[in-house]
Amino acid sequence: MSKLTLFSQIIGQLDRSKFKNIVKSHQGDKHQKGYNSWTHLVSMLFCQFAKSQSVRDISNGLRSATGNLNHLGVDRAPSKSTISYQNKHRSYEIFKDYYYCLLASLGQHPGFKRTKFRIKSKIFLLDSTTISLCLSLFDWARYKTAKGAVKMHTLLDFDGNLPAYVNITHGKTADNKGAYDVPLLKKGSVIVADRFYNDFNLLHIWDSRGVYFVIRHKDNLQYTVVKENDLPENRHPHLLKDEIIELKGGVSKGKYPQTLRRIALWDEQNQQTIELITNNVNWVADTIGELYKSRWQVEIFFRDVKQLLHIKSFIGTSENAVMIQIWTALITIVILKVLKAIAKFGWHLSNLVAFIRLNLFVKIELQKWLDRPYEEHKDPDIPIIQGVLF
């Protein structure tokens, strides 16, 4: 048995020195009185792991673990008013920067590497999800007449299914507009996206940077066939078309003057034809189709974040509080993916979250518990040495 709780050992996986450097760069602890940025981070991670529904739940939950707070690097449990105040006033940029810091270290675990494609290039899946908010409470997040929302534009790394980049905007921001802020990717990288990113100006920017893309094109695409490629004989019968095209119309062609490759394939599962465009002319047509099918992983990521973590309801109503809760949810998902990767037991992410939530303050060795969760872990027997009384 361990002398530390599971939660303490999980928090111990985090690099506190790097967090301190980030806090210092943002002056996050300037004029703070007792509730520093580290305590704030621990409080919000507790909110995610315990799925606390209010600041009262966070305060009471941490207060119930009084004897173990020092192992978390926390002096005392914060009051609910303190949590609310700091969620409103401490910059969410601290938590955003720490997410990318963790991604650069923990997110490079060898267990995340996939070998599905022979492509040596880094593959990214691009999509967005809308997080609904009550407009009467979150009046800054205007989306529709009687509805508020924020949109999370996500560039997901295919290896490990972790966001390489997240851009959180108001709900009205179109998907393709949110993608313009995606940072410069390495030459040869691959972006896979749905038809909402069929923006020829955006595609031209990617192409000029040497980035490959696989995009589902819209039904009203106007083009001229330049060349029709041969389809493989007796293999991949789902492939319908493989052709080189150029865009028609002055506006579209002005935005993307180069030729494109168009692939049409039959999706047996959904009984529909999928039409794709790409700027890569060397890959096998079936590989392009499989790349697009892998885009479903970003939908699974959104489902996991929304169902398993705490971002569908918020404990604060200010824009800063919402941002902090979203970024700490992303920090939590990095931690969970690493725990899943180092475990010998075949965890499903949903089971891992549920088991941690039930055993948050149980004192048991983390690695042994991850490897053998259903075994009873006991303290080793201590031999009793006692003299003969009679």
Foldseek 3Di string as FASTA:
>chain_A
DFPFFLQLVLLVVADVVVLVVLCVVVVQCVPPDQCGPLNLLSLLLCCWLLVDPALQSSQVVQQVPQVRVVSSVHDHRDDSVVNQVCLFPRFLVSLVVSLLVCCVPLVVDPLQDDDPDPQPAWEKEWDKDKQWDQCVLQVVQDADPGTGIKMWTFTAGLRLRAGNDIDIGRNNDQNLNSCVPPDQDAAAHEYEYEQSNVDLLVVQVCVVSNYKYKYFHDPPFAWDFPFWDDADPPPQPQWDGWTKIAGDDDVNCVSPVDIWIKTWGADPVVGDITIIIMRDDPDHSVVSVVSNVSSCSNVVVVVCLPPSTHLNHFNYRYPSSSSNSVSSSSSSVSSLSSLCSLELDNDDSNVSSVVCNVRVRPRDDSRVCSHCVPDDDDDDDDDDDDDDPD
